[in-house]
Amino acid sequence: MELVKKIKEAENQAKQIIEDARKKGGEMAEQAQNQRQQQQADSEQQRKKAIADAVGAAKEQAQGQVASLKDDAEKQKKDMRETAEAKIEHCAKEVIDFIRG
């Protein structure tokens, strides 16, 4: 009888150990899943920040290039106007001289 009691106690302890292990395993799996989800969320946030930073830097660079191109275009326009005015004056003088004879 005593041996049967000890065997049943051992079985009950084994069942309890198995149940506790399953419970703990489930908790650990849930914690691991939560950690993965948090890491994914953190990674997504870092990715979005990196994209926003890159877009901001690209905008700044593009604005600098636009300003430089505008300055270059304005200078070319001024140079062309000066060249055209000089040619107009020269042509007008030649026409006047031709008409005067």
N, C-alpha and C. Protein backbone atom coordinates (compact mmCIF):
# COMPACT_ATOMS: atom_id res chain seq x y z
N MET A 1 0.80 -1.19 0.00
CA MET A 1 0.00 0.00 0.00
C MET A 1 0.85 1.26 0.00
N GLU A 2 1.83 1.24 0.84
CA GLU A 2 2.72 2.39 0.95
C GLU A 2 3.40 2.66 -0.39
N LEU A 3 3.79 1.64 -1.07
CA LEU A 3 4.46 1.77 -2.37
C LEU A 3 3.50 2.35 -3.40
N VAL A 4 2.26 1.91 -3.37
CA VAL A 4 1.25 2.41 -4.31
C VAL A 4 1.03 3.91 -4.08
N LYS A 5 0.97 4.32 -2.80
CA LYS A 5 0.81 5.73 -2.47
C LYS A 5 1.98 6.55 -3.00
N LYS A 6 3.18 6.04 -2.81
CA LYS A 6 4.37 6.76 -3.28
C LYS A 6 4.39 6.86 -4.80
N ILE A 7 3.94 5.80 -5.46
CA ILE A 7 3.90 5.81 -6.94
C ILE A 7 2.88 6.84 -7.41
N LYS A 8 1.70 6.89 -6.75
CA LYS A 8 0.67 7.86 -7.13
C LYS A 8 1.16 9.28 -6.86
N GLU A 9 1.84 9.48 -5.74
CA GLU A 9 2.40 10.79 -5.44
C GLU A 9 3.43 11.19 -6.49
N ALA A 10 4.25 10.25 -6.87
CA ALA A 10 5.27 10.50 -7.88
C ALA A 10 4.61 10.83 -9.22
N GLU A 11 3.53 10.11 -9.55
CA GLU A 11 2.79 10.39 -10.78
C GLU A 11 2.18 11.78 -10.73
N ASN A 12 1.59 12.12 -9.59
CA ASN A 12 0.98 13.44 -9.44
C ASN A 12 2.04 14.55 -9.54
N GLN A 13 3.19 14.31 -8.92
CA GLN A 13 4.29 15.28 -9.00
C GLN A 13 4.77 15.42 -10.44
N ALA A 14 4.88 14.29 -11.13
CA ALA A 14 5.32 14.32 -12.52
C ALA A 14 4.32 15.08 -13.37
N LYS A 15 3.01 14.83 -13.15
CA LYS A 15 1.98 15.55 -13.89
C LYS A 15 2.06 17.05 -13.60
N GLN A 16 2.27 17.40 -12.34
CA GLN A 16 2.37 18.81 -11.97
C GLN A 16 3.60 19.46 -12.61
N ILE A 17 4.70 18.73 -12.61
CA ILE A 17 5.93 19.24 -13.24
C ILE A 17 5.70 19.46 -14.73
N ILE A 18 5.05 18.49 -15.37
CA ILE A 18 4.77 18.62 -16.81
C ILE A 18 3.84 19.80 -17.07
N GLU A 19 2.79 19.93 -16.24
CA GLU A 19 1.85 21.04 -16.39
C GLU A 19 2.54 22.38 -16.19
N ASP A 20 3.38 22.46 -15.16
CA ASP A 20 4.13 23.69 -14.90
C ASP A 20 5.08 24.01 -16.07
N ALA A 21 5.72 22.97 -16.60
CA ALA A 21 6.64 23.17 -17.72
C ALA A 21 5.88 23.66 -18.96
N ARG A 22 4.71 23.09 -19.23
CA ARG A 22 3.90 23.54 -20.37
C ARG A 22 3.49 25.00 -20.19
N LYS A 23 3.05 25.31 -18.97
CA LYS A 23 2.63 26.68 -18.68
C LYS A 23 3.79 27.65 -18.87
N LYS A 24 4.95 27.28 -18.30
CA LYS A 24 6.12 28.13 -18.41
C LYS A 24 6.57 28.24 -19.88
N GLY A 25 6.50 27.13 -20.61
CA GLY A 25 6.86 27.14 -22.03
C GLY A 25 5.95 28.06 -22.82
N GLY A 26 4.66 28.02 -22.51
CA GLY A 26 3.69 28.90 -23.17
C GLY A 26 3.99 30.37 -22.87
N GLU A 27 4.30 30.64 -21.60
CA GLU A 27 4.63 32.02 -21.22
C GLU A 27 5.90 32.49 -21.93
N MET A 28 6.90 31.61 -22.00
CA MET A 28 8.15 31.98 -22.67
C MET A 28 7.92 32.22 -24.17
N ALA A 29 7.08 31.40 -24.77
CA ALA A 29 6.77 31.57 -26.20
C ALA A 29 6.05 32.89 -26.42
N GLU A 30 5.13 33.22 -25.52
CA GLU A 30 4.40 34.49 -25.64
C GLU A 30 5.35 35.67 -25.47
N GLN A 31 6.27 35.58 -24.51
CA GLN A 31 7.25 36.65 -24.31
C GLN A 31 8.13 36.82 -25.55
N ALA A 32 8.55 35.70 -26.11
CA ALA A 32 9.39 35.75 -27.31
C ALA A 32 8.64 36.40 -28.46
N GLN A 33 7.36 36.05 -28.59
CA GLN A 33 6.55 36.63 -29.66
C GLN A 33 6.39 38.14 -29.43
N ASN A 34 6.15 38.54 -28.20
CA ASN A 34 6.03 39.97 -27.89
C ASN A 34 7.33 40.72 -28.19
N GLN A 35 8.45 40.09 -27.85
CA GLN A 35 9.75 40.72 -28.14
C GLN A 35 9.96 40.87 -29.65
N ARG A 36 9.60 39.84 -30.41
CA ARG A 36 9.74 39.92 -31.88
C ARG A 36 8.86 41.04 -32.45
N GLN A 37 7.64 41.13 -31.93
CA GLN A 37 6.74 42.18 -32.40
C GLN A 37 7.30 43.56 -32.07
N GLN A 38 7.85 43.70 -30.88
CA GLN A 38 8.44 44.98 -30.48
C GLN A 38 9.64 45.31 -31.35
N GLN A 39 10.47 44.31 -31.62
CA GLN A 39 11.64 44.52 -32.47
C GLN A 39 11.22 44.92 -33.88
N GLN A 40 10.16 44.28 -34.39
CA GLN A 40 9.66 44.64 -35.72
C GLN A 40 9.14 46.07 -35.72
N ALA A 41 8.42 46.45 -34.69
CA ALA A 41 7.90 47.82 -34.59
C ALA A 41 9.05 48.82 -34.52
N ASP A 42 10.07 48.50 -33.73
CA ASP A 42 11.24 49.38 -33.62
C ASP A 42 11.95 49.49 -34.97
N SER A 43 12.10 48.37 -35.65
CA SER A 43 12.76 48.38 -36.96
C SER A 43 11.97 49.21 -37.96
N GLU A 44 10.67 49.07 -37.94
CA GLU A 44 9.80 49.83 -38.85
C GLU A 44 9.93 51.33 -38.56
N GLN A 45 9.97 51.67 -37.29
CA GLN A 45 10.12 53.08 -36.91
C GLN A 45 11.47 53.62 -37.38
N GLN A 46 12.53 52.84 -37.21
CA GLN A 46 13.85 53.26 -37.66
C GLN A 46 13.89 53.40 -39.18
N ARG A 47 13.23 52.48 -39.88
CA ARG A 47 13.18 52.54 -41.34
C ARG A 47 12.47 53.81 -41.81
N LYS A 48 11.34 54.11 -41.17
CA LYS A 48 10.59 55.32 -41.54
C LYS A 48 11.41 56.58 -41.26
N LYS A 49 12.13 56.59 -40.14
CA LYS A 49 12.95 57.74 -39.81
C LYS A 49 14.08 57.89 -40.83
N ALA A 50 14.70 56.80 -41.21
CA ALA A 50 15.78 56.84 -42.19
C ALA A 50 15.26 57.36 -43.53
N ILE A 51 14.07 56.92 -43.91
CA ILE A 51 13.48 57.40 -45.17
C ILE A 51 13.19 58.90 -45.07
N ALA A 52 12.61 59.32 -43.96
CA ALA A 52 12.30 60.74 -43.77
C ALA A 52 13.57 61.58 -43.79
N ASP A 53 14.62 61.10 -43.15
CA ASP A 53 15.90 61.83 -43.15
C ASP A 53 16.48 61.92 -44.56
N ALA A 54 16.40 60.82 -45.30
CA ALA A 54 16.92 60.80 -46.67
C ALA A 54 16.13 61.74 -47.57
N VAL A 55 14.82 61.75 -47.41
CA VAL A 55 13.97 62.64 -48.20
C VAL A 55 14.29 64.09 -47.87
N GLY A 56 14.45 64.39 -46.60
CA GLY A 56 14.78 65.75 -46.18
C GLY A 56 16.12 66.20 -46.76
N ALA A 57 17.11 65.32 -46.70
CA ALA A 57 18.43 65.66 -47.25
C ALA A 57 18.35 65.85 -48.76
N ALA A 58 17.57 65.01 -49.42
CA ALA A 58 17.42 65.13 -50.88
C ALA A 58 16.73 66.44 -51.25
N LYS A 59 15.73 66.83 -50.46
CA LYS A 59 15.03 68.11 -50.72
C LYS A 59 15.99 69.28 -50.58
N GLU A 60 16.79 69.25 -49.51
CA GLU A 60 17.75 70.33 -49.30
C GLU A 60 18.73 70.42 -50.46
N GLN A 61 19.24 69.26 -50.87
CA GLN A 61 20.19 69.22 -51.97
C GLN A 61 19.53 69.72 -53.25
N ALA A 62 18.31 69.29 -53.50
CA ALA A 62 17.60 69.71 -54.71
C ALA A 62 17.35 71.22 -54.69
N GLN A 63 16.99 71.75 -53.54
CA GLN A 63 16.76 73.19 -53.44
C GLN A 63 18.04 73.97 -53.72
N GLY A 64 19.16 73.46 -53.24
CA GLY A 64 20.45 74.10 -53.51
C GLY A 64 20.77 74.06 -55.00
N GLN A 65 20.49 72.92 -55.62
CA GLN A 65 20.75 72.80 -57.06
C GLN A 65 19.83 73.71 -57.86
N VAL A 66 18.57 73.81 -57.44
CA VAL A 66 17.62 74.68 -58.13
C VAL A 66 18.09 76.13 -58.04
N ALA A 67 18.51 76.54 -56.86
CA ALA A 67 18.99 77.92 -56.69
C ALA A 67 20.21 78.17 -57.56
N SER A 68 21.12 77.21 -57.60
CA SER A 68 22.32 77.35 -58.43
C SER A 68 21.95 77.44 -59.90
N LEU A 69 21.03 76.59 -60.35
CA LEU A 69 20.59 76.61 -61.75
C LEU A 69 19.89 77.93 -62.09
N LYS A 70 19.10 78.44 -61.17
CA LYS A 70 18.43 79.73 -61.40
C LYS A 70 19.47 80.84 -61.55
N ASP A 71 20.47 80.82 -60.69
CA ASP A 71 21.53 81.83 -60.77
C ASP A 71 22.27 81.73 -62.11
N ASP A 72 22.59 80.50 -62.51
CA ASP A 72 23.27 80.29 -63.80
C ASP A 72 22.41 80.78 -64.95
N ALA A 73 21.12 80.46 -64.91
CA ALA A 73 20.21 80.87 -65.98
C ALA A 73 20.10 82.39 -66.05
N GLU A 74 20.02 83.02 -64.90
CA GLU A 74 19.94 84.49 -64.86
C GLU A 74 21.21 85.12 -65.42
N LYS A 75 22.36 84.54 -65.10
CA LYS A 75 23.63 85.06 -65.62
C LYS A 75 23.69 84.89 -67.14
N GLN A 76 23.29 83.72 -67.62
CA GLN A 76 23.29 83.48 -69.07
C GLN A 76 22.33 84.45 -69.77
N LYS A 77 21.18 84.67 -69.17
CA LYS A 77 20.19 85.59 -69.74
C LYS A 77 20.77 87.01 -69.83
N LYS A 78 21.45 87.43 -68.76
CA LYS A 78 22.06 88.77 -68.72
C LYS A 78 23.15 88.87 -69.79
N ASP A 79 23.99 87.82 -69.89
CA ASP A 79 25.07 87.82 -70.89
C ASP A 79 24.50 87.88 -72.30
N MET A 80 23.45 87.11 -72.55
CA MET A 80 22.82 87.10 -73.88
C MET A 80 22.22 88.46 -74.20
N ARG A 81 21.57 89.07 -73.20
CA ARG A 81 20.98 90.40 -73.40
C ARG A 81 22.06 91.42 -73.75
N GLU A 82 23.17 91.38 -73.00
CA GLU A 82 24.26 92.32 -73.27
C GLU A 82 24.84 92.11 -74.67
N THR A 83 25.02 90.84 -75.05
CA THR A 83 25.55 90.53 -76.38
C THR A 83 24.57 90.99 -77.45
N ALA A 84 23.28 90.74 -77.25
CA ALA A 84 22.26 91.13 -78.22
C ALA A 84 22.19 92.65 -78.34
N GLU A 85 22.25 93.36 -77.22
CA GLU A 85 22.19 94.82 -77.25
C GLU A 85 23.37 95.39 -78.03
N ALA A 86 24.53 94.81 -77.81
CA ALA A 86 25.71 95.29 -78.54
C ALA A 86 25.54 95.06 -80.04
N LYS A 87 25.01 93.90 -80.42
CA LYS A 87 24.79 93.60 -81.83
C LYS A 87 23.70 94.49 -82.42
N ILE A 88 22.65 94.76 -81.63
CA ILE A 88 21.57 95.64 -82.10
C ILE A 88 22.12 97.03 -82.37
N GLU A 89 22.92 97.54 -81.45
CA GLU A 89 23.51 98.87 -81.62
C GLU A 89 24.39 98.91 -82.88
N HIS A 90 25.19 97.88 -83.06
CA HIS A 90 26.07 97.81 -84.23
C HIS A 90 25.25 97.75 -85.52
N CYS A 91 24.22 96.90 -85.54
CA CYS A 91 23.38 96.78 -86.74
C CYS A 91 22.63 98.08 -87.01
N ALA A 92 22.10 98.70 -85.96
CA ALA A 92 21.37 99.96 -86.13
C ALA A 92 22.29 101.03 -86.70
N LYS A 93 23.51 101.07 -86.22
CA LYS A 93 24.49 102.05 -86.71
C LYS A 93 24.78 101.80 -88.19
N GLU A 94 24.93 100.53 -88.56
CA GLU A 94 25.21 100.20 -89.97
C GLU A 94 24.03 100.58 -90.86
N VAL A 95 22.81 100.33 -90.37
CA VAL A 95 21.62 100.70 -91.16
C VAL A 95 21.54 102.21 -91.33
N ILE A 96 21.76 102.92 -90.24
CA ILE A 96 21.73 104.41 -90.31
C ILE A 96 22.81 104.90 -91.27
N ASP A 97 24.00 104.34 -91.16
CA ASP A 97 25.09 104.75 -92.06
C ASP A 97 24.74 104.42 -93.50
N PHE A 98 24.09 103.29 -93.74
CA PHE A 98 23.71 102.90 -95.10
C PHE A 98 22.66 103.86 -95.65
N ILE A 99 21.70 104.24 -94.79
CA ILE A 99 20.65 105.13 -95.25
C ILE A 99 21.22 106.53 -95.53
N ARG A 100 22.11 106.97 -94.73
CA ARG A 100 22.71 108.29 -94.93
C ARG A 100 23.61 108.31 -96.13
N GLY A 101 24.03 107.22 -96.48
CA GLY A 101 24.71 107.15 -97.68
C GLY A 101 26.10 107.01 -97.87
